[in-house]
Amino acid sequence: MAKPLEKIMRYVGQHGIIRPRDIEAIGLPREYLVRLHRQGRLSRPGRGIYTLPDANVTDRHSYAEVTKRVPEAVICLLSALAFHEITTQSPPAIWIALHKGARRPALTSPSLRIVRLSGPSLTEGAENHQVEGVPIRVYSAAKTVADCFKFIQDRTRCRDRSSKGLSSPKEG
């Protein structure tokens, strides 16, 4: 019975973060994950997420975790600014873009801010990257900056419908 467990350990080593459905996809029962977790050979940082206990966790770990749990998500806005190192601030929540009709993910941690997009607004400018062995999608730096201005302008209009043009946002 050690062979399936070793196969899972190799798989986790190659992919960084895994879900039970990943194990089922390679033909093994998900119960092996619970067994490995109880033995201390796997860590469970969140519901349905498993990693190696000594995994190299980076400052971008939450991006990998969110993308693994919400595969259709695209990292956007403030989180994409931080990913591309365009800002020095680290957002308190992970900003993701989802299709307008998509269900809200049932995540309690990490905290999410969701933007609903459709058509080219959702698909154009998405780049593929790897974080801790997990493929993630992040909007390009150019699209991110443009989207930030767009959403700042939209929020300014919602707050003060009488204002004309773009107000400059203040930090603080």
N, C-alpha and C. Protein backbone atom coordinates (compact mmCIF):
# COMPACT_ATOMS: atom_id res chain seq x y z
N MET A 1 0.80 -1.20 0.00
CA MET A 1 0.00 0.00 0.00
C MET A 1 0.85 1.27 0.00
N ALA A 2 2.14 1.12 0.18
CA ALA A 2 3.02 2.29 0.21
C ALA A 2 3.16 2.92 -1.18
N LYS A 3 2.98 2.14 -2.22
CA LYS A 3 3.17 2.68 -3.57
C LYS A 3 2.20 3.81 -3.90
N PRO A 4 0.88 3.66 -3.64
CA PRO A 4 -0.02 4.78 -3.93
C PRO A 4 0.31 6.02 -3.10
N LEU A 5 0.70 5.80 -1.84
CA LEU A 5 1.05 6.95 -1.00
C LEU A 5 2.28 7.66 -1.53
N GLU A 6 3.26 6.89 -1.98
CA GLU A 6 4.47 7.49 -2.54
C GLU A 6 4.15 8.23 -3.85
N LYS A 7 3.23 7.67 -4.62
CA LYS A 7 2.81 8.33 -5.86
C LYS A 7 2.19 9.70 -5.56
N ILE A 8 1.38 9.74 -4.49
CA ILE A 8 0.77 11.02 -4.09
C ILE A 8 1.85 11.99 -3.63
N MET A 9 2.80 11.51 -2.85
CA MET A 9 3.86 12.39 -2.35
C MET A 9 4.68 12.97 -3.51
N ARG A 10 4.97 12.17 -4.53
CA ARG A 10 5.68 12.67 -5.71
C ARG A 10 4.83 13.72 -6.43
N TYR A 11 3.54 13.43 -6.55
CA TYR A 11 2.62 14.35 -7.23
C TYR A 11 2.57 15.70 -6.51
N VAL A 12 2.47 15.67 -5.18
CA VAL A 12 2.46 16.91 -4.39
C VAL A 12 3.78 17.65 -4.55
N GLY A 13 4.88 16.92 -4.57
CA GLY A 13 6.19 17.54 -4.76
C GLY A 13 6.31 18.25 -6.10
N GLN A 14 5.67 17.71 -7.13
CA GLN A 14 5.73 18.32 -8.46
C GLN A 14 4.77 19.49 -8.62
N HIS A 15 3.59 19.41 -7.96
CA HIS A 15 2.54 20.40 -8.19
C HIS A 15 2.37 21.42 -7.07
N GLY A 16 3.04 21.24 -5.95
CA GLY A 16 3.00 22.22 -4.87
C GLY A 16 1.74 22.15 -4.03
N ILE A 17 0.63 22.60 -4.56
CA ILE A 17 -0.65 22.60 -3.87
C ILE A 17 -1.59 21.68 -4.64
N ILE A 18 -2.26 20.79 -3.92
CA ILE A 18 -3.20 19.88 -4.59
C ILE A 18 -4.54 19.88 -3.88
N ARG A 19 -5.54 19.41 -4.60
CA ARG A 19 -6.89 19.22 -4.07
C ARG A 19 -7.24 17.74 -4.18
N PRO A 20 -8.22 17.29 -3.43
CA PRO A 20 -8.62 15.88 -3.53
C PRO A 20 -8.99 15.47 -4.95
N ARG A 21 -9.61 16.35 -5.71
CA ARG A 21 -10.00 15.99 -7.09
C ARG A 21 -8.77 15.74 -7.97
N ASP A 22 -7.63 16.36 -7.64
CA ASP A 22 -6.40 16.11 -8.39
C ASP A 22 -5.95 14.66 -8.21
N ILE A 23 -6.10 14.16 -6.98
CA ILE A 23 -5.70 12.79 -6.67
C ILE A 23 -6.64 11.80 -7.35
N GLU A 24 -7.93 12.11 -7.34
CA GLU A 24 -8.89 11.24 -8.03
C GLU A 24 -8.62 11.21 -9.53
N ALA A 25 -8.16 12.33 -10.08
CA ALA A 25 -7.87 12.40 -11.51
C ALA A 25 -6.71 11.48 -11.91
N ILE A 26 -5.82 11.18 -10.97
CA ILE A 26 -4.73 10.25 -11.30
C ILE A 26 -5.06 8.82 -10.87
N GLY A 27 -6.35 8.59 -10.50
CA GLY A 27 -6.82 7.24 -10.24
C GLY A 27 -6.64 6.73 -8.82
N LEU A 28 -6.45 7.64 -7.87
CA LEU A 28 -6.29 7.22 -6.48
C LEU A 28 -7.41 7.80 -5.62
N PRO A 29 -7.83 7.09 -4.58
CA PRO A 29 -8.90 7.62 -3.72
C PRO A 29 -8.41 8.78 -2.86
N ARG A 30 -9.30 9.75 -2.67
CA ARG A 30 -8.96 10.94 -1.90
C ARG A 30 -8.68 10.63 -0.43
N GLU A 31 -9.13 9.49 0.07
CA GLU A 31 -8.91 9.13 1.46
C GLU A 31 -7.42 9.04 1.81
N TYR A 32 -6.60 8.76 0.80
CA TYR A 32 -5.15 8.70 1.04
C TYR A 32 -4.61 10.05 1.51
N LEU A 33 -5.22 11.14 1.08
CA LEU A 33 -4.78 12.46 1.54
C LEU A 33 -4.98 12.62 3.04
N VAL A 34 -6.12 12.17 3.53
CA VAL A 34 -6.40 12.24 4.97
C VAL A 34 -5.39 11.40 5.73
N ARG A 35 -5.10 10.21 5.22
CA ARG A 35 -4.13 9.32 5.86
C ARG A 35 -2.75 9.99 5.92
N LEU A 36 -2.32 10.57 4.81
CA LEU A 36 -1.01 11.24 4.79
C LEU A 36 -0.99 12.46 5.70
N HIS A 37 -2.10 13.16 5.79
CA HIS A 37 -2.19 14.31 6.69
C HIS A 37 -2.07 13.86 8.15
N ARG A 38 -2.77 12.79 8.51
CA ARG A 38 -2.71 12.27 9.89
C ARG A 38 -1.32 11.78 10.25
N GLN A 39 -0.59 11.26 9.24
CA GLN A 39 0.77 10.80 9.47
C GLN A 39 1.77 11.96 9.55
N GLY A 40 1.31 13.17 9.23
CA GLY A 40 2.20 14.33 9.25
C GLY A 40 3.01 14.50 7.99
N ARG A 41 2.71 13.73 6.96
CA ARG A 41 3.47 13.81 5.72
C ARG A 41 2.91 14.88 4.78
N LEU A 42 1.67 15.33 5.03
CA LEU A 42 1.06 16.42 4.27
C LEU A 42 0.50 17.44 5.24
N SER A 43 0.53 18.67 4.80
CA SER A 43 -0.04 19.77 5.56
C SER A 43 -1.36 20.18 4.90
N ARG A 44 -2.30 20.63 5.70
CA ARG A 44 -3.60 21.07 5.18
C ARG A 44 -3.84 22.53 5.58
N PRO A 45 -3.33 23.47 4.79
CA PRO A 45 -3.44 24.89 5.16
C PRO A 45 -4.85 25.44 5.04
N GLY A 46 -5.72 24.79 4.31
CA GLY A 46 -7.10 25.25 4.15
C GLY A 46 -7.98 24.10 3.72
N ARG A 47 -9.28 24.35 3.75
CA ARG A 47 -10.24 23.31 3.38
C ARG A 47 -10.00 22.86 1.94
N GLY A 48 -9.74 21.56 1.77
CA GLY A 48 -9.57 21.00 0.44
C GLY A 48 -8.24 21.30 -0.22
N ILE A 49 -7.25 21.76 0.54
CA ILE A 49 -5.94 22.12 0.00
C ILE A 49 -4.86 21.38 0.80
N TYR A 50 -3.96 20.73 0.09
CA TYR A 50 -2.88 19.98 0.73
C TYR A 50 -1.54 20.38 0.13
N THR A 51 -0.51 20.47 0.98
CA THR A 51 0.85 20.77 0.54
C THR A 51 1.82 19.92 1.35
N LEU A 52 3.08 19.96 0.96
CA LEU A 52 4.11 19.33 1.77
C LEU A 52 4.35 20.19 3.01
N PRO A 53 4.61 19.57 4.16
CA PRO A 53 4.81 20.36 5.38
C PRO A 53 5.99 21.32 5.30
N ASP A 54 7.01 20.94 4.57
CA ASP A 54 8.20 21.79 4.45
C ASP A 54 8.22 22.56 3.12
N ALA A 55 7.03 22.79 2.56
CA ALA A 55 6.94 23.49 1.27
C ALA A 55 7.48 24.90 1.40
N ASN A 56 8.13 25.35 0.34
CA ASN A 56 8.67 26.70 0.30
C ASN A 56 7.51 27.67 0.03
N VAL A 57 6.98 28.26 1.09
CA VAL A 57 5.85 29.18 0.97
C VAL A 57 6.39 30.57 0.70
N THR A 58 5.93 31.17 -0.40
CA THR A 58 6.38 32.51 -0.78
C THR A 58 5.33 33.54 -0.40
N ASP A 59 5.66 34.80 -0.65
CA ASP A 59 4.70 35.87 -0.38
C ASP A 59 3.53 35.83 -1.35
N ARG A 60 3.61 35.03 -2.37
CA ARG A 60 2.53 34.88 -3.35
C ARG A 60 1.72 33.60 -3.13
N HIS A 61 1.90 32.96 -1.99
CA HIS A 61 1.22 31.70 -1.70
C HIS A 61 -0.30 31.84 -1.79
N SER A 62 -0.84 32.94 -1.30
CA SER A 62 -2.29 33.11 -1.32
C SER A 62 -2.84 33.16 -2.74
N TYR A 63 -2.04 33.66 -3.69
CA TYR A 63 -2.48 33.65 -5.10
C TYR A 63 -2.62 32.21 -5.60
N ALA A 64 -1.64 31.39 -5.26
CA ALA A 64 -1.68 29.98 -5.67
C ALA A 64 -2.85 29.26 -5.02
N GLU A 65 -3.08 29.54 -3.74
CA GLU A 65 -4.16 28.89 -3.02
C GLU A 65 -5.52 29.28 -3.60
N VAL A 66 -5.72 30.56 -3.87
CA VAL A 66 -7.00 31.01 -4.43
C VAL A 66 -7.21 30.42 -5.82
N THR A 67 -6.18 30.45 -6.65
CA THR A 67 -6.31 29.93 -8.01
C THR A 67 -6.56 28.43 -8.01
N LYS A 68 -5.97 27.72 -7.07
CA LYS A 68 -6.20 26.28 -6.98
C LYS A 68 -7.64 25.98 -6.59
N ARG A 69 -8.20 26.81 -5.70
CA ARG A 69 -9.57 26.58 -5.24
C ARG A 69 -10.62 27.21 -6.15
N VAL A 70 -10.22 28.23 -6.92
CA VAL A 70 -11.14 28.89 -7.87
C VAL A 70 -10.42 28.96 -9.22
N PRO A 71 -10.37 27.85 -9.96
CA PRO A 71 -9.55 27.77 -11.18
C PRO A 71 -9.91 28.79 -12.26
N GLU A 72 -11.16 29.25 -12.30
CA GLU A 72 -11.56 30.21 -13.33
C GLU A 72 -11.20 31.65 -12.97
N ALA A 73 -10.65 31.87 -11.80
CA ALA A 73 -10.31 33.23 -11.35
C ALA A 73 -9.08 33.77 -12.07
N VAL A 74 -9.08 35.09 -12.26
CA VAL A 74 -7.92 35.80 -12.78
C VAL A 74 -7.55 36.84 -11.73
N ILE A 75 -6.29 36.84 -11.30
CA ILE A 75 -5.83 37.82 -10.31
C ILE A 75 -5.87 39.20 -10.97
N CYS A 76 -6.48 40.17 -10.28
CA CYS A 76 -6.67 41.48 -10.91
C CYS A 76 -6.46 42.63 -9.92
N LEU A 77 -6.58 43.83 -10.45
CA LEU A 77 -6.55 45.10 -9.73
C LEU A 77 -5.41 45.17 -8.72
N LEU A 78 -5.69 45.44 -7.44
CA LEU A 78 -4.62 45.66 -6.46
C LEU A 78 -3.70 44.46 -6.30
N SER A 79 -4.27 43.26 -6.39
CA SER A 79 -3.44 42.05 -6.27
C SER A 79 -2.52 41.91 -7.47
N ALA A 80 -3.01 42.25 -8.66
CA ALA A 80 -2.16 42.19 -9.86
C ALA A 80 -1.09 43.28 -9.80
N LEU A 81 -1.43 44.45 -9.26
CA LEU A 81 -0.41 45.49 -9.08
C LEU A 81 0.72 44.97 -8.19
N ALA A 82 0.35 44.33 -7.09
CA ALA A 82 1.35 43.77 -6.18
C ALA A 82 2.14 42.65 -6.85
N PHE A 83 1.46 41.80 -7.62
CA PHE A 83 2.14 40.71 -8.32
C PHE A 83 3.21 41.24 -9.26
N HIS A 84 2.88 42.29 -10.00
CA HIS A 84 3.82 42.88 -10.97
C HIS A 84 4.78 43.88 -10.31
N GLU A 85 4.70 44.00 -8.99
CA GLU A 85 5.56 44.89 -8.20
C GLU A 85 5.45 46.34 -8.67
N ILE A 86 4.20 46.76 -8.95
CA ILE A 86 3.94 48.14 -9.36
C ILE A 86 3.57 48.98 -8.14
N THR A 87 3.23 48.34 -7.05
CA THR A 87 2.88 49.04 -5.82
C THR A 87 3.70 48.48 -4.67
N THR A 88 3.83 49.27 -3.63
CA THR A 88 4.52 48.80 -2.43
C THR A 88 3.53 48.28 -1.41
N GLN A 89 2.25 48.52 -1.66
CA GLN A 89 1.21 48.08 -0.73
C GLN A 89 0.81 46.64 -1.00
N SER A 90 0.49 45.93 0.05
CA SER A 90 -0.02 44.58 -0.08
C SER A 90 -1.51 44.62 0.28
N PRO A 91 -2.39 44.30 -0.67
CA PRO A 91 -3.82 44.40 -0.37
C PRO A 91 -4.24 43.41 0.71
N PRO A 92 -5.19 43.80 1.57
CA PRO A 92 -5.64 42.90 2.64
C PRO A 92 -6.47 41.73 2.12
N ALA A 93 -6.95 41.81 0.90
CA ALA A 93 -7.73 40.74 0.29
C ALA A 93 -7.17 40.47 -1.10
N ILE A 94 -7.41 39.27 -1.61
CA ILE A 94 -7.00 38.91 -2.97
C ILE A 94 -8.11 39.35 -3.92
N TRP A 95 -7.75 40.18 -4.89
CA TRP A 95 -8.70 40.65 -5.89
C TRP A 95 -8.70 39.67 -7.05
N ILE A 96 -9.90 39.17 -7.40
CA ILE A 96 -10.02 38.25 -8.53
C ILE A 96 -11.15 38.71 -9.45
N ALA A 97 -11.00 38.37 -10.71
CA ALA A 97 -12.05 38.62 -11.70
C ALA A 97 -12.71 37.30 -12.02
N LEU A 98 -14.03 37.32 -12.04
CA LEU A 98 -14.83 36.16 -12.40
C LEU A 98 -15.86 36.58 -13.44
N HIS A 99 -16.36 35.61 -14.18
CA HIS A 99 -17.43 35.87 -15.15
C HIS A 99 -18.67 36.35 -14.40
N LYS A 100 -19.44 37.20 -15.03
CA LYS A 100 -20.62 37.78 -14.37
C LYS A 100 -21.58 36.74 -13.82
N GLY A 101 -21.70 35.59 -14.47
CA GLY A 101 -22.64 34.57 -14.02
C GLY A 101 -22.07 33.55 -13.06
N ALA A 102 -20.79 33.64 -12.73
CA ALA A 102 -20.13 32.65 -11.88
C ALA A 102 -20.61 32.78 -10.42
N ARG A 103 -20.66 31.62 -9.76
CA ARG A 103 -21.04 31.62 -8.34
C ARG A 103 -19.91 32.20 -7.50
N ARG A 104 -20.31 32.82 -6.39
CA ARG A 104 -19.31 33.35 -5.45
C ARG A 104 -18.62 32.18 -4.77
N PRO A 105 -17.28 32.17 -4.78
CA PRO A 105 -16.55 31.08 -4.12
C PRO A 105 -16.83 31.07 -2.62
N ALA A 106 -16.95 29.88 -2.06
CA ALA A 106 -17.21 29.72 -0.63
C ALA A 106 -15.89 29.63 0.13
N LEU A 107 -15.12 30.69 0.09
CA LEU A 107 -13.84 30.73 0.79
C LEU A 107 -13.95 31.67 1.98
N THR A 108 -13.39 31.25 3.10
CA THR A 108 -13.32 32.15 4.24
C THR A 108 -11.91 32.70 4.39
N SER A 109 -10.94 31.96 3.89
CA SER A 109 -9.56 32.41 3.96
C SER A 109 -8.84 31.90 2.72
N PRO A 110 -8.08 32.69 2.06
CA PRO A 110 -7.88 34.12 2.26
C PRO A 110 -9.11 34.93 1.83
N SER A 111 -9.16 36.14 2.31
CA SER A 111 -10.26 37.03 2.00
C SER A 111 -10.23 37.41 0.51
N LEU A 112 -11.40 37.49 -0.09
CA LEU A 112 -11.50 37.79 -1.53
C LEU A 112 -12.26 39.09 -1.77
N ARG A 113 -11.87 39.80 -2.81
CA ARG A 113 -12.66 40.88 -3.40
C ARG A 113 -12.89 40.45 -4.84
N ILE A 114 -14.14 40.44 -5.26
CA ILE A 114 -14.49 39.90 -6.56
C ILE A 114 -14.99 40.99 -7.48
N VAL A 115 -14.45 40.99 -8.70
CA VAL A 115 -14.90 41.89 -9.76
C VAL A 115 -15.56 41.01 -10.81
N ARG A 116 -16.74 41.41 -11.26
CA ARG A 116 -17.47 40.64 -12.27
C ARG A 116 -17.24 41.25 -13.64
N LEU A 117 -16.74 40.44 -14.56
CA LEU A 117 -16.47 40.90 -15.92
C LEU A 117 -17.04 39.89 -16.91
N SER A 118 -17.13 40.31 -18.17
CA SER A 118 -17.58 39.38 -19.21
C SER A 118 -16.89 39.74 -20.53
N GLY A 119 -16.96 38.81 -21.46
CA GLY A 119 -16.41 39.04 -22.79
C GLY A 119 -14.93 39.35 -22.78
N PRO A 120 -14.50 40.25 -23.67
CA PRO A 120 -13.08 40.59 -23.77
C PRO A 120 -12.52 41.20 -22.49
N SER A 121 -13.36 41.87 -21.70
CA SER A 121 -12.88 42.45 -20.44
C SER A 121 -12.34 41.37 -19.51
N LEU A 122 -12.91 40.18 -19.61
CA LEU A 122 -12.48 39.07 -18.75
C LEU A 122 -11.29 38.32 -19.34
N THR A 123 -11.29 38.15 -20.65
CA THR A 123 -10.29 37.26 -21.26
C THR A 123 -9.03 37.97 -21.76
N GLU A 124 -9.16 39.20 -22.24
CA GLU A 124 -8.00 39.89 -22.81
C GLU A 124 -7.01 40.31 -21.73
N GLY A 125 -5.75 40.13 -22.01
CA GLY A 125 -4.70 40.58 -21.10
C GLY A 125 -4.36 39.62 -19.99
N ALA A 126 -4.98 38.45 -19.95
CA ALA A 126 -4.66 37.46 -18.91
C ALA A 126 -3.38 36.72 -19.29
N GLU A 127 -2.44 36.70 -18.37
CA GLU A 127 -1.16 36.02 -18.58
C GLU A 127 -1.08 34.79 -17.68
N ASN A 128 -0.36 33.78 -18.13
CA ASN A 128 -0.15 32.57 -17.34
C ASN A 128 1.20 32.66 -16.63
N HIS A 129 1.18 32.37 -15.34
CA HIS A 129 2.38 32.36 -14.51
C HIS A 129 2.36 31.12 -13.63
N GLN A 130 3.48 30.83 -13.00
CA GLN A 130 3.58 29.72 -12.05
C GLN A 130 3.94 30.30 -10.68
N VAL A 131 3.20 29.89 -9.65
CA VAL A 131 3.51 30.26 -8.28
C VAL A 131 3.51 28.98 -7.46
N GLU A 132 4.64 28.64 -6.89
CA GLU A 132 4.80 27.43 -6.08
C GLU A 132 4.31 26.18 -6.81
N GLY A 133 4.58 26.13 -8.11
CA GLY A 133 4.19 24.98 -8.92
C GLY A 133 2.75 24.99 -9.39
N VAL A 134 2.00 26.02 -9.04
CA VAL A 134 0.59 26.12 -9.42
C VAL A 134 0.44 27.12 -10.56
N PRO A 135 -0.20 26.73 -11.66
CA PRO A 135 -0.43 27.70 -12.73
C PRO A 135 -1.51 28.69 -12.31
N ILE A 136 -1.21 29.98 -12.44
CA ILE A 136 -2.18 31.01 -12.11
C ILE A 136 -2.32 31.95 -13.30
N ARG A 137 -3.44 32.64 -13.35
CA ARG A 137 -3.65 33.66 -14.38
C ARG A 137 -3.71 35.01 -13.70
N VAL A 138 -2.95 35.96 -14.25
CA VAL A 138 -2.88 37.32 -13.74
C VAL A 138 -2.99 38.26 -14.92
N TYR A 139 -3.72 39.35 -14.75
CA TYR A 139 -3.79 40.31 -15.84
C TYR A 139 -2.43 40.98 -16.01
N SER A 140 -2.11 41.34 -17.26
CA SER A 140 -0.84 41.99 -17.57
C SER A 140 -0.75 43.32 -16.82
N ALA A 141 0.46 43.83 -16.69
CA ALA A 141 0.66 45.10 -16.00
C ALA A 141 -0.11 46.22 -16.68
N ALA A 142 -0.08 46.26 -18.01
CA ALA A 142 -0.77 47.33 -18.74
C ALA A 142 -2.28 47.27 -18.51
N LYS A 143 -2.87 46.08 -18.61
CA LYS A 143 -4.31 45.94 -18.39
C LYS A 143 -4.66 46.28 -16.95
N THR A 144 -3.82 45.89 -16.02
CA THR A 144 -4.07 46.16 -14.61
C THR A 144 -4.13 47.65 -14.34
N VAL A 145 -3.16 48.38 -14.85
CA VAL A 145 -3.14 49.83 -14.63
C VAL A 145 -4.38 50.47 -15.26
N ALA A 146 -4.71 50.06 -16.48
CA ALA A 146 -5.90 50.60 -17.15
C ALA A 146 -7.16 50.27 -16.36
N ASP A 147 -7.27 49.03 -15.88
CA ASP A 147 -8.45 48.64 -15.10
C ASP A 147 -8.54 49.42 -13.80
N CYS A 148 -7.41 49.67 -13.16
CA CYS A 148 -7.42 50.45 -11.91
C CYS A 148 -8.00 51.84 -12.17
N PHE A 149 -7.56 52.49 -13.25
CA PHE A 149 -8.11 53.80 -13.57
C PHE A 149 -9.60 53.70 -13.89
N LYS A 150 -9.98 52.67 -14.60
CA LYS A 150 -11.39 52.49 -14.95
C LYS A 150 -12.25 52.32 -13.70
N PHE A 151 -11.82 51.46 -12.78
CA PHE A 151 -12.63 51.21 -11.59
C PHE A 151 -12.60 52.39 -10.63
N ILE A 152 -11.50 53.14 -10.57
CA ILE A 152 -11.46 54.35 -9.75
C ILE A 152 -12.46 55.36 -10.30
N GLN A 153 -12.49 55.51 -11.61
CA GLN A 153 -13.43 56.44 -12.23
C GLN A 153 -14.87 56.01 -11.96
N ASP A 154 -15.17 54.73 -12.10
CA ASP A 154 -16.52 54.23 -11.84
C ASP A 154 -16.92 54.45 -10.39
N ARG A 155 -16.01 54.20 -9.45
CA ARG A 155 -16.32 54.38 -8.02
C ARG A 155 -16.52 55.86 -7.70
N THR A 156 -15.74 56.74 -8.34
CA THR A 156 -15.89 58.17 -8.12
C THR A 156 -17.26 58.63 -8.59
N ARG A 157 -17.69 58.15 -9.73
CA ARG A 157 -19.01 58.51 -10.24
C ARG A 157 -20.11 58.02 -9.32
N CYS A 158 -19.96 56.84 -8.75
CA CYS A 158 -20.99 56.31 -7.86
C CYS A 158 -21.09 57.12 -6.58
N ARG A 159 -19.98 57.62 -6.07
CA ARG A 159 -19.99 58.40 -4.83
C ARG A 159 -20.57 59.79 -5.04
N ASP A 160 -20.23 60.41 -6.15
CA ASP A 160 -20.64 61.79 -6.38
C ASP A 160 -21.13 61.91 -7.81
N ARG A 161 -22.41 61.73 -8.00
CA ARG A 161 -22.98 61.74 -9.35
C ARG A 161 -22.93 63.12 -9.99
N SER A 162 -22.75 64.16 -9.20
CA SER A 162 -22.73 65.51 -9.76
C SER A 162 -21.36 65.90 -10.31
N SER A 163 -20.33 65.13 -9.97
CA SER A 163 -18.99 65.51 -10.43
C SER A 163 -18.79 65.17 -11.89
N LYS A 164 -18.00 65.97 -12.56
CA LYS A 164 -17.67 65.75 -13.97
C LYS A 164 -16.20 65.36 -14.04
N GLY A 165 -15.89 64.38 -14.86
CA GLY A 165 -14.50 63.99 -15.06
C GLY A 165 -13.98 63.07 -13.98
N LEU A 166 -12.68 62.95 -13.95
CA LEU A 166 -12.02 62.01 -13.06
C LEU A 166 -11.44 62.74 -11.88
N SER A 167 -11.78 62.33 -10.68
CA SER A 167 -11.17 62.88 -9.49
C SER A 167 -9.93 62.07 -9.18
N SER A 168 -8.93 62.71 -8.62
CA SER A 168 -7.72 61.96 -8.27
C SER A 168 -7.92 61.32 -6.90
N PRO A 169 -7.67 60.03 -6.79
CA PRO A 169 -7.85 59.35 -5.52
C PRO A 169 -6.76 59.73 -4.53
N LYS A 170 -7.11 59.78 -3.27
CA LYS A 170 -6.15 60.11 -2.23
C LYS A 170 -5.86 58.86 -1.43
N GLU A 171 -4.59 58.66 -1.08
CA GLU A 171 -4.22 57.53 -0.25
C GLU A 171 -4.41 57.92 1.19
N GLY A 172 -4.68 56.90 2.01
CA GLY A 172 -4.72 57.17 3.43
C GLY A 172 -5.94 56.82 4.05
